[in-house]
Amino acid sequence: FGIPVQDATDLVAGWRELYPEFGFAYKAYDKKAQQWRNPDGSAGGKFQYIRLDSGRIKHFHDQTRRGEPETYKAWNFVVQGTGNDIMQEAALRISRVFDGDNRVWPIYSVHDSGGWEVEEDFIPEFVPVMREIATDFPGFVVPLAIEVHVGDNWRDLETYE
């Protein structure tokens, strides 16, 4: 990032001090991914894995680095995998609401991002509905928020309020 290594180290240390919960979660998922379990989650099986709330699983017993399972990737799987699951569900909900409306077309979903091609005069009607749908996940303790960007091409995107 163009800063001295010590400055970067200090930034990371400060972030970890400010948000210690992330460190606890990282360690907890790393430990869970190291446990040998059966497919039903009971102890003593032949698998090391993390299962998301959606049911998606990432195995660690067959992913090794220097002979050790790459369980340090467990927290990243939980964060990015859950973001992806939320995005997929939101995209499906949005598609159902606007099914057959030729003013809006879904064009992509990648990780926790989604893109729609929307006729310009329909944007003010589309965005509030899309925001409502994409953030309506009451099972999360922290409310979800999204950023919306609009533009004629990728280079000229601007934040939409």
N, C-alpha and C. Protein backbone atom coordinates (compact mmCIF):
# COMPACT_ATOMS: atom_id res chain seq x y z
N PHE A 1 0.81 -1.21 0.00
CA PHE A 1 0.00 0.00 0.00
C PHE A 1 0.84 1.26 0.00
N GLY A 2 2.12 1.10 -0.18
CA GLY A 2 2.98 2.26 -0.27
C GLY A 2 3.29 2.90 1.08
N ILE A 3 3.16 2.14 2.18
CA ILE A 3 3.51 2.67 3.49
C ILE A 3 4.57 1.76 4.11
N PRO A 4 5.33 2.28 5.04
CA PRO A 4 6.36 1.44 5.68
C PRO A 4 5.73 0.24 6.39
N VAL A 5 6.47 -0.85 6.44
CA VAL A 5 5.98 -2.09 7.06
C VAL A 5 5.57 -1.85 8.51
N GLN A 6 6.34 -1.06 9.24
CA GLN A 6 6.00 -0.81 10.64
C GLN A 6 4.66 -0.07 10.77
N ASP A 7 4.40 0.88 9.85
CA ASP A 7 3.11 1.59 9.88
C ASP A 7 1.96 0.62 9.61
N ALA A 8 2.16 -0.28 8.66
CA ALA A 8 1.13 -1.28 8.35
C ALA A 8 0.92 -2.21 9.54
N THR A 9 2.00 -2.62 10.19
CA THR A 9 1.92 -3.48 11.36
C THR A 9 1.16 -2.78 12.48
N ASP A 10 1.43 -1.49 12.68
CA ASP A 10 0.75 -0.71 13.71
C ASP A 10 -0.74 -0.56 13.39
N LEU A 11 -1.08 -0.37 12.13
CA LEU A 11 -2.49 -0.26 11.74
C LEU A 11 -3.24 -1.56 12.04
N VAL A 12 -2.65 -2.68 11.68
CA VAL A 12 -3.28 -3.98 11.93
C VAL A 12 -3.43 -4.21 13.43
N ALA A 13 -2.38 -3.91 14.19
CA ALA A 13 -2.43 -4.09 15.65
C ALA A 13 -3.52 -3.20 16.26
N GLY A 14 -3.62 -1.98 15.80
CA GLY A 14 -4.66 -1.07 16.30
C GLY A 14 -6.06 -1.57 15.96
N TRP A 15 -6.23 -2.09 14.76
CA TRP A 15 -7.53 -2.63 14.35
C TRP A 15 -7.89 -3.83 15.22
N ARG A 16 -6.92 -4.70 15.45
CA ARG A 16 -7.16 -5.89 16.28
C ARG A 16 -7.48 -5.51 17.73
N GLU A 17 -6.85 -4.45 18.21
CA GLU A 17 -7.14 -3.99 19.57
C GLU A 17 -8.54 -3.39 19.65
N LEU A 18 -8.92 -2.66 18.63
CA LEU A 18 -10.24 -2.02 18.60
C LEU A 18 -11.36 -3.03 18.43
N TYR A 19 -11.12 -4.10 17.67
CA TYR A 19 -12.14 -5.11 17.38
C TYR A 19 -11.63 -6.51 17.74
N PRO A 20 -11.44 -6.81 19.01
CA PRO A 20 -10.88 -8.12 19.38
C PRO A 20 -11.81 -9.28 19.05
N GLU A 21 -13.11 -9.00 18.88
CA GLU A 21 -14.06 -10.07 18.57
C GLU A 21 -13.69 -10.80 17.28
N PHE A 22 -13.13 -10.09 16.33
CA PHE A 22 -12.74 -10.72 15.07
C PHE A 22 -11.63 -11.74 15.30
N GLY A 23 -10.71 -11.41 16.18
CA GLY A 23 -9.64 -12.35 16.50
C GLY A 23 -10.18 -13.59 17.19
N PHE A 24 -11.14 -13.39 18.09
CA PHE A 24 -11.76 -14.53 18.78
C PHE A 24 -12.49 -15.41 17.78
N ALA A 25 -13.25 -14.79 16.87
CA ALA A 25 -14.00 -15.56 15.87
C ALA A 25 -13.04 -16.31 14.95
N TYR A 26 -11.98 -15.65 14.52
CA TYR A 26 -10.99 -16.30 13.67
C TYR A 26 -10.45 -17.56 14.33
N LYS A 27 -10.06 -17.44 15.59
CA LYS A 27 -9.49 -18.58 16.31
C LYS A 27 -10.54 -19.67 16.52
N ALA A 28 -11.78 -19.28 16.81
CA ALA A 28 -12.83 -20.27 17.04
C ALA A 28 -13.12 -21.08 15.78
N TYR A 29 -13.19 -20.42 14.62
CA TYR A 29 -13.45 -21.15 13.38
C TYR A 29 -12.24 -21.98 12.95
N ASP A 30 -11.05 -21.47 13.21
CA ASP A 30 -9.85 -22.25 12.90
C ASP A 30 -9.85 -23.54 13.73
N LYS A 31 -10.18 -23.41 15.00
CA LYS A 31 -10.23 -24.58 15.89
C LYS A 31 -11.32 -25.55 15.44
N LYS A 32 -12.49 -25.02 15.10
CA LYS A 32 -13.60 -25.87 14.66
C LYS A 32 -13.23 -26.62 13.38
N ALA A 33 -12.54 -25.95 12.46
CA ALA A 33 -12.15 -26.57 11.20
C ALA A 33 -11.11 -27.66 11.41
N GLN A 34 -10.39 -27.63 12.53
CA GLN A 34 -9.39 -28.66 12.82
C GLN A 34 -9.99 -29.92 13.43
N GLN A 35 -11.23 -29.83 13.89
CA GLN A 35 -11.87 -30.98 14.54
C GLN A 35 -12.28 -32.02 13.51
N TRP A 36 -12.03 -33.27 13.84
CA TRP A 36 -12.45 -34.37 12.97
C TRP A 36 -13.88 -34.72 13.35
N ARG A 37 -14.79 -34.63 12.35
CA ARG A 37 -16.21 -34.83 12.63
C ARG A 37 -16.86 -35.67 11.55
N ASN A 38 -18.01 -36.19 11.89
CA ASN A 38 -18.86 -36.90 10.94
C ASN A 38 -19.69 -35.89 10.16
N PRO A 39 -20.32 -36.31 9.07
CA PRO A 39 -21.15 -35.37 8.29
C PRO A 39 -22.26 -34.70 9.12
N ASP A 40 -22.76 -35.37 10.16
CA ASP A 40 -23.81 -34.78 10.99
C ASP A 40 -23.26 -33.83 12.05
N GLY A 41 -21.94 -33.64 12.10
CA GLY A 41 -21.31 -32.73 13.04
C GLY A 41 -20.81 -33.38 14.30
N SER A 42 -21.16 -34.64 14.52
CA SER A 42 -20.69 -35.32 15.73
C SER A 42 -19.18 -35.59 15.64
N ALA A 43 -18.56 -35.68 16.80
CA ALA A 43 -17.10 -35.83 16.88
C ALA A 43 -16.64 -37.21 16.43
N GLY A 44 -15.37 -37.25 16.02
CA GLY A 44 -14.71 -38.51 15.76
C GLY A 44 -14.76 -39.01 14.33
N GLY A 45 -15.26 -38.24 13.41
CA GLY A 45 -15.37 -38.69 12.03
C GLY A 45 -14.09 -38.53 11.26
N LYS A 46 -14.21 -38.60 9.95
CA LYS A 46 -13.03 -38.51 9.09
C LYS A 46 -12.97 -37.22 8.27
N PHE A 47 -13.74 -36.21 8.71
CA PHE A 47 -13.78 -34.96 7.96
C PHE A 47 -13.45 -33.77 8.86
N GLN A 48 -12.79 -32.78 8.28
CA GLN A 48 -12.57 -31.48 8.91
C GLN A 48 -13.27 -30.47 8.00
N TYR A 49 -14.25 -29.75 8.54
CA TYR A 49 -15.03 -28.86 7.68
C TYR A 49 -15.72 -27.77 8.48
N ILE A 50 -16.20 -26.78 7.74
CA ILE A 50 -17.06 -25.72 8.27
C ILE A 50 -18.33 -25.75 7.42
N ARG A 51 -19.48 -25.69 8.10
CA ARG A 51 -20.77 -25.66 7.41
C ARG A 51 -21.41 -24.29 7.66
N LEU A 52 -21.80 -23.61 6.58
CA LEU A 52 -22.51 -22.33 6.70
C LEU A 52 -23.97 -22.59 7.04
N ASP A 53 -24.66 -21.55 7.48
CA ASP A 53 -26.08 -21.67 7.78
C ASP A 53 -26.88 -22.13 6.57
N SER A 54 -26.39 -21.81 5.38
CA SER A 54 -27.07 -22.20 4.15
C SER A 54 -26.91 -23.70 3.86
N GLY A 55 -25.98 -24.35 4.59
CA GLY A 55 -25.71 -25.76 4.37
C GLY A 55 -24.45 -26.01 3.55
N ARG A 56 -23.91 -24.96 2.94
CA ARG A 56 -22.70 -25.12 2.14
C ARG A 56 -21.53 -25.49 3.04
N ILE A 57 -20.68 -26.37 2.55
CA ILE A 57 -19.57 -26.90 3.34
C ILE A 57 -18.24 -26.66 2.63
N LYS A 58 -17.22 -26.34 3.44
CA LYS A 58 -15.84 -26.30 2.94
C LYS A 58 -15.05 -27.29 3.76
N HIS A 59 -14.41 -28.22 3.06
CA HIS A 59 -13.58 -29.23 3.71
C HIS A 59 -12.15 -28.73 3.85
N PHE A 60 -11.50 -29.14 4.93
CA PHE A 60 -10.12 -28.75 5.17
C PHE A 60 -9.18 -29.95 5.24
N HIS A 61 -9.70 -31.16 5.43
CA HIS A 61 -8.84 -32.34 5.57
C HIS A 61 -8.10 -32.67 4.28
N ASP A 62 -8.62 -32.19 3.14
CA ASP A 62 -7.95 -32.49 1.87
C ASP A 62 -7.24 -31.26 1.29
N GLN A 63 -7.15 -30.18 2.08
CA GLN A 63 -6.45 -28.98 1.63
C GLN A 63 -5.29 -28.74 2.59
N THR A 64 -4.12 -29.06 2.14
CA THR A 64 -2.98 -28.94 3.03
C THR A 64 -1.92 -28.01 2.48
N ARG A 65 -1.17 -27.46 3.40
CA ARG A 65 -0.02 -26.63 3.09
C ARG A 65 1.09 -27.14 3.99
N ARG A 66 2.11 -27.67 3.38
CA ARG A 66 3.22 -28.29 4.13
C ARG A 66 2.70 -29.41 5.04
N GLY A 67 1.71 -30.14 4.53
CA GLY A 67 1.19 -31.28 5.27
C GLY A 67 0.16 -30.96 6.35
N GLU A 68 -0.14 -29.68 6.56
CA GLU A 68 -1.10 -29.26 7.58
C GLU A 68 -2.37 -28.73 6.91
N PRO A 69 -3.54 -29.05 7.48
CA PRO A 69 -4.79 -28.51 6.91
C PRO A 69 -4.78 -26.98 6.93
N GLU A 70 -5.34 -26.39 5.90
CA GLU A 70 -5.37 -24.93 5.80
C GLU A 70 -6.57 -24.36 6.56
N THR A 71 -6.67 -24.70 7.81
CA THR A 71 -7.82 -24.28 8.61
C THR A 71 -7.84 -22.78 8.88
N TYR A 72 -6.72 -22.10 8.67
CA TYR A 72 -6.69 -20.65 8.84
C TYR A 72 -7.64 -19.96 7.85
N LYS A 73 -8.07 -20.68 6.83
CA LYS A 73 -8.99 -20.12 5.84
C LYS A 73 -10.46 -20.24 6.26
N ALA A 74 -10.71 -20.84 7.40
CA ALA A 74 -12.09 -21.08 7.83
C ALA A 74 -12.87 -19.79 8.04
N TRP A 75 -12.28 -18.81 8.71
CA TRP A 75 -12.97 -17.55 8.98
C TRP A 75 -13.29 -16.82 7.67
N ASN A 76 -12.37 -16.82 6.74
CA ASN A 76 -12.61 -16.19 5.45
C ASN A 76 -13.78 -16.86 4.73
N PHE A 77 -13.85 -18.19 4.82
CA PHE A 77 -14.97 -18.91 4.20
C PHE A 77 -16.29 -18.49 4.83
N VAL A 78 -16.31 -18.34 6.15
CA VAL A 78 -17.54 -17.94 6.83
C VAL A 78 -17.96 -16.54 6.39
N VAL A 79 -17.03 -15.60 6.39
CA VAL A 79 -17.35 -14.21 6.05
C VAL A 79 -17.76 -14.10 4.58
N GLN A 80 -16.90 -14.56 3.68
CA GLN A 80 -17.19 -14.40 2.25
C GLN A 80 -18.31 -15.33 1.81
N GLY A 81 -18.36 -16.52 2.35
CA GLY A 81 -19.41 -17.46 1.98
C GLY A 81 -20.78 -16.97 2.40
N THR A 82 -20.87 -16.42 3.61
CA THR A 82 -22.15 -15.88 4.08
C THR A 82 -22.55 -14.67 3.25
N GLY A 83 -21.59 -13.80 2.94
CA GLY A 83 -21.88 -12.66 2.06
C GLY A 83 -22.41 -13.11 0.72
N ASN A 84 -21.81 -14.15 0.17
CA ASN A 84 -22.26 -14.70 -1.10
C ASN A 84 -23.67 -15.29 -0.98
N ASP A 85 -23.92 -16.02 0.09
CA ASP A 85 -25.25 -16.60 0.28
C ASP A 85 -26.32 -15.52 0.39
N ILE A 86 -26.01 -14.44 1.10
CA ILE A 86 -26.96 -13.33 1.22
C ILE A 86 -27.20 -12.70 -0.14
N MET A 87 -26.12 -12.49 -0.91
CA MET A 87 -26.27 -11.87 -2.23
C MET A 87 -27.10 -12.74 -3.15
N GLN A 88 -26.87 -14.03 -3.14
CA GLN A 88 -27.65 -14.93 -4.00
C GLN A 88 -29.12 -14.89 -3.64
N GLU A 89 -29.43 -14.94 -2.35
CA GLU A 89 -30.83 -14.88 -1.92
C GLU A 89 -31.46 -13.55 -2.29
N ALA A 90 -30.73 -12.45 -2.06
CA ALA A 90 -31.25 -11.13 -2.41
C ALA A 90 -31.49 -11.02 -3.91
N ALA A 91 -30.57 -11.52 -4.72
CA ALA A 91 -30.72 -11.47 -6.18
C ALA A 91 -31.95 -12.26 -6.62
N LEU A 92 -32.19 -13.41 -6.01
CA LEU A 92 -33.38 -14.19 -6.34
C LEU A 92 -34.66 -13.44 -5.98
N ARG A 93 -34.68 -12.84 -4.80
CA ARG A 93 -35.85 -12.07 -4.37
C ARG A 93 -36.11 -10.90 -5.31
N ILE A 94 -35.05 -10.19 -5.67
CA ILE A 94 -35.19 -9.04 -6.57
C ILE A 94 -35.70 -9.51 -7.93
N SER A 95 -35.15 -10.61 -8.41
CA SER A 95 -35.59 -11.15 -9.71
C SER A 95 -37.07 -11.52 -9.68
N ARG A 96 -37.54 -12.07 -8.57
CA ARG A 96 -38.96 -12.43 -8.47
C ARG A 96 -39.86 -11.20 -8.51
N VAL A 97 -39.43 -10.14 -7.82
CA VAL A 97 -40.23 -8.91 -7.79
C VAL A 97 -40.31 -8.27 -9.17
N PHE A 98 -39.21 -8.28 -9.90
CA PHE A 98 -39.16 -7.60 -11.20
C PHE A 98 -39.26 -8.57 -12.38
N ASP A 99 -39.70 -9.78 -12.14
CA ASP A 99 -39.85 -10.78 -13.20
C ASP A 99 -40.78 -10.25 -14.29
N GLY A 100 -40.30 -10.27 -15.51
CA GLY A 100 -41.10 -9.81 -16.64
C GLY A 100 -41.04 -8.31 -16.89
N ASP A 101 -40.38 -7.57 -16.03
CA ASP A 101 -40.27 -6.12 -16.21
C ASP A 101 -39.07 -5.86 -17.13
N ASN A 102 -39.34 -5.39 -18.32
CA ASN A 102 -38.26 -5.21 -19.29
C ASN A 102 -37.44 -3.94 -19.07
N ARG A 103 -37.65 -3.27 -17.93
CA ARG A 103 -36.84 -2.08 -17.61
C ARG A 103 -35.62 -2.44 -16.75
N VAL A 104 -35.54 -3.70 -16.29
CA VAL A 104 -34.45 -4.11 -15.41
C VAL A 104 -34.03 -5.53 -15.75
N TRP A 105 -32.69 -5.75 -15.82
CA TRP A 105 -32.15 -7.07 -16.15
C TRP A 105 -30.99 -7.36 -15.20
N PRO A 106 -31.01 -8.52 -14.54
CA PRO A 106 -29.84 -8.89 -13.72
C PRO A 106 -28.69 -9.24 -14.66
N ILE A 107 -27.48 -8.77 -14.32
CA ILE A 107 -26.35 -9.07 -15.20
C ILE A 107 -25.22 -9.82 -14.51
N TYR A 108 -25.10 -9.74 -13.17
CA TYR A 108 -24.06 -10.51 -12.51
C TYR A 108 -24.29 -10.58 -11.00
N SER A 109 -23.67 -11.57 -10.40
CA SER A 109 -23.59 -11.70 -8.95
C SER A 109 -22.23 -12.33 -8.66
N VAL A 110 -21.38 -11.61 -7.93
CA VAL A 110 -20.05 -12.09 -7.59
C VAL A 110 -19.81 -11.82 -6.10
N HIS A 111 -19.54 -12.89 -5.37
CA HIS A 111 -19.32 -12.80 -3.92
C HIS A 111 -20.49 -12.06 -3.26
N ASP A 112 -20.24 -10.84 -2.77
CA ASP A 112 -21.30 -10.10 -2.10
C ASP A 112 -21.74 -8.89 -2.92
N SER A 113 -21.57 -8.97 -4.24
CA SER A 113 -21.96 -7.87 -5.13
C SER A 113 -22.92 -8.38 -6.20
N GLY A 114 -23.79 -7.50 -6.60
CA GLY A 114 -24.71 -7.83 -7.69
C GLY A 114 -24.85 -6.64 -8.61
N GLY A 115 -25.17 -6.92 -9.85
CA GLY A 115 -25.33 -5.85 -10.82
C GLY A 115 -26.58 -6.03 -11.65
N TRP A 116 -27.25 -4.93 -11.91
CA TRP A 116 -28.44 -4.93 -12.74
C TRP A 116 -28.32 -3.83 -13.77
N GLU A 117 -28.80 -4.12 -14.95
CA GLU A 117 -28.91 -3.09 -15.97
C GLU A 117 -30.33 -2.55 -15.84
N VAL A 118 -30.44 -1.25 -15.61
CA VAL A 118 -31.74 -0.64 -15.34
C VAL A 118 -31.91 0.57 -16.24
N GLU A 119 -33.08 0.68 -16.86
CA GLU A 119 -33.35 1.87 -17.67
C GLU A 119 -33.26 3.10 -16.78
N GLU A 120 -32.65 4.14 -17.30
CA GLU A 120 -32.33 5.32 -16.49
C GLU A 120 -33.54 5.92 -15.78
N ASP A 121 -34.66 6.03 -16.46
CA ASP A 121 -35.82 6.64 -15.82
C ASP A 121 -36.48 5.74 -14.78
N PHE A 122 -36.09 4.46 -14.73
CA PHE A 122 -36.64 3.51 -13.77
C PHE A 122 -35.78 3.40 -12.50
N ILE A 123 -34.57 3.96 -12.51
CA ILE A 123 -33.65 3.86 -11.37
C ILE A 123 -34.29 4.36 -10.07
N PRO A 124 -34.93 5.53 -10.04
CA PRO A 124 -35.51 6.01 -8.78
C PRO A 124 -36.58 5.07 -8.21
N GLU A 125 -37.24 4.32 -9.04
CA GLU A 125 -38.24 3.36 -8.57
C GLU A 125 -37.58 2.04 -8.16
N PHE A 126 -36.57 1.63 -8.89
CA PHE A 126 -35.91 0.34 -8.65
C PHE A 126 -35.06 0.34 -7.38
N VAL A 127 -34.25 1.36 -7.18
CA VAL A 127 -33.27 1.36 -6.10
C VAL A 127 -33.90 1.20 -4.71
N PRO A 128 -34.96 1.93 -4.36
CA PRO A 128 -35.52 1.73 -3.01
C PRO A 128 -36.05 0.31 -2.78
N VAL A 129 -36.67 -0.27 -3.79
CA VAL A 129 -37.18 -1.64 -3.67
C VAL A 129 -36.02 -2.61 -3.54
N MET A 130 -35.00 -2.43 -4.37
CA MET A 130 -33.82 -3.29 -4.33
C MET A 130 -33.12 -3.19 -2.98
N ARG A 131 -32.98 -1.98 -2.44
CA ARG A 131 -32.35 -1.80 -1.12
C ARG A 131 -33.14 -2.51 -0.03
N GLU A 132 -34.44 -2.35 -0.06
CA GLU A 132 -35.31 -2.99 0.94
C GLU A 132 -35.14 -4.51 0.91
N ILE A 133 -35.17 -5.08 -0.28
CA ILE A 133 -35.06 -6.53 -0.43
C ILE A 133 -33.67 -7.01 -0.02
N ALA A 134 -32.64 -6.30 -0.46
CA ALA A 134 -31.26 -6.74 -0.24
C ALA A 134 -30.80 -6.60 1.21
N THR A 135 -31.52 -5.85 2.01
CA THR A 135 -31.13 -5.68 3.41
C THR A 135 -32.12 -6.33 4.37
N ASP A 136 -33.13 -7.00 3.85
CA ASP A 136 -34.16 -7.62 4.69
C ASP A 136 -33.76 -9.04 5.08
N PHE A 137 -32.84 -9.12 6.03
CA PHE A 137 -32.39 -10.39 6.57
C PHE A 137 -32.41 -10.26 8.09
N PRO A 138 -33.61 -10.39 8.69
CA PRO A 138 -33.76 -10.12 10.12
C PRO A 138 -33.01 -11.08 11.03
N GLY A 139 -32.50 -12.17 10.52
CA GLY A 139 -31.75 -13.11 11.34
C GLY A 139 -30.39 -12.60 11.78
N PHE A 140 -29.94 -11.50 11.20
CA PHE A 140 -28.63 -10.94 11.55
C PHE A 140 -28.78 -9.92 12.67
N VAL A 141 -27.88 -9.98 13.62
CA VAL A 141 -27.92 -9.05 14.75
C VAL A 141 -27.61 -7.63 14.26
N VAL A 142 -26.61 -7.51 13.40
CA VAL A 142 -26.23 -6.21 12.86
C VAL A 142 -27.02 -5.98 11.58
N PRO A 143 -27.71 -4.84 11.46
CA PRO A 143 -28.48 -4.59 10.23
C PRO A 143 -27.56 -4.53 9.01
N LEU A 144 -28.04 -5.04 7.91
CA LEU A 144 -27.25 -5.02 6.68
C LEU A 144 -27.44 -3.68 5.97
N ALA A 145 -26.42 -3.27 5.27
CA ALA A 145 -26.46 -2.05 4.48
C ALA A 145 -25.81 -2.34 3.13
N ILE A 146 -26.20 -1.60 2.13
CA ILE A 146 -25.59 -1.77 0.81
C ILE A 146 -25.23 -0.42 0.22
N GLU A 147 -24.30 -0.45 -0.69
CA GLU A 147 -23.94 0.72 -1.48
C GLU A 147 -24.49 0.51 -2.87
N VAL A 148 -25.01 1.57 -3.46
CA VAL A 148 -25.53 1.50 -4.82
C VAL A 148 -24.74 2.48 -5.66
N HIS A 149 -24.29 2.01 -6.80
CA HIS A 149 -23.55 2.85 -7.74
C HIS A 149 -24.25 2.77 -9.09
N VAL A 150 -24.33 3.89 -9.79
CA VAL A 150 -24.95 3.91 -11.10
C VAL A 150 -24.03 4.63 -12.08
N GLY A 151 -24.19 4.28 -13.34
CA GLY A 151 -23.41 4.93 -14.38
C GLY A 151 -23.65 4.28 -15.72
N ASP A 152 -23.20 4.95 -16.77
CA ASP A 152 -23.37 4.43 -18.13
C ASP A 152 -22.38 3.32 -18.45
N ASN A 153 -21.27 3.26 -17.68
CA ASN A 153 -20.26 2.22 -17.88
C ASN A 153 -19.51 2.02 -16.57
N TRP A 154 -18.67 0.98 -16.51
CA TRP A 154 -17.95 0.65 -15.28
C TRP A 154 -17.03 1.79 -14.83
N ARG A 155 -16.44 2.49 -15.75
CA ARG A 155 -15.48 3.54 -15.41
C ARG A 155 -16.15 4.74 -14.77
N ASP A 156 -17.40 5.01 -15.12
CA ASP A 156 -18.06 6.23 -14.68
C ASP A 156 -19.12 6.01 -13.61
N LEU A 157 -18.99 4.97 -12.82
CA LEU A 157 -19.97 4.71 -11.77
C LEU A 157 -19.88 5.78 -10.67
N GLU A 158 -21.05 6.19 -10.18
CA GLU A 158 -21.12 7.16 -9.08
C GLU A 158 -22.04 6.62 -8.01
N THR A 159 -21.77 6.99 -6.76
CA THR A 159 -22.62 6.55 -5.66
C THR A 159 -24.01 7.13 -5.82
N TYR A 160 -25.00 6.28 -5.61
CA TYR A 160 -26.41 6.70 -5.71
C TYR A 160 -26.96 6.78 -4.31
N GLU A 161 -27.48 7.91 -3.94
CA GLU A 161 -28.07 8.09 -2.60
C GLU A 161 -29.55 7.93 -2.74
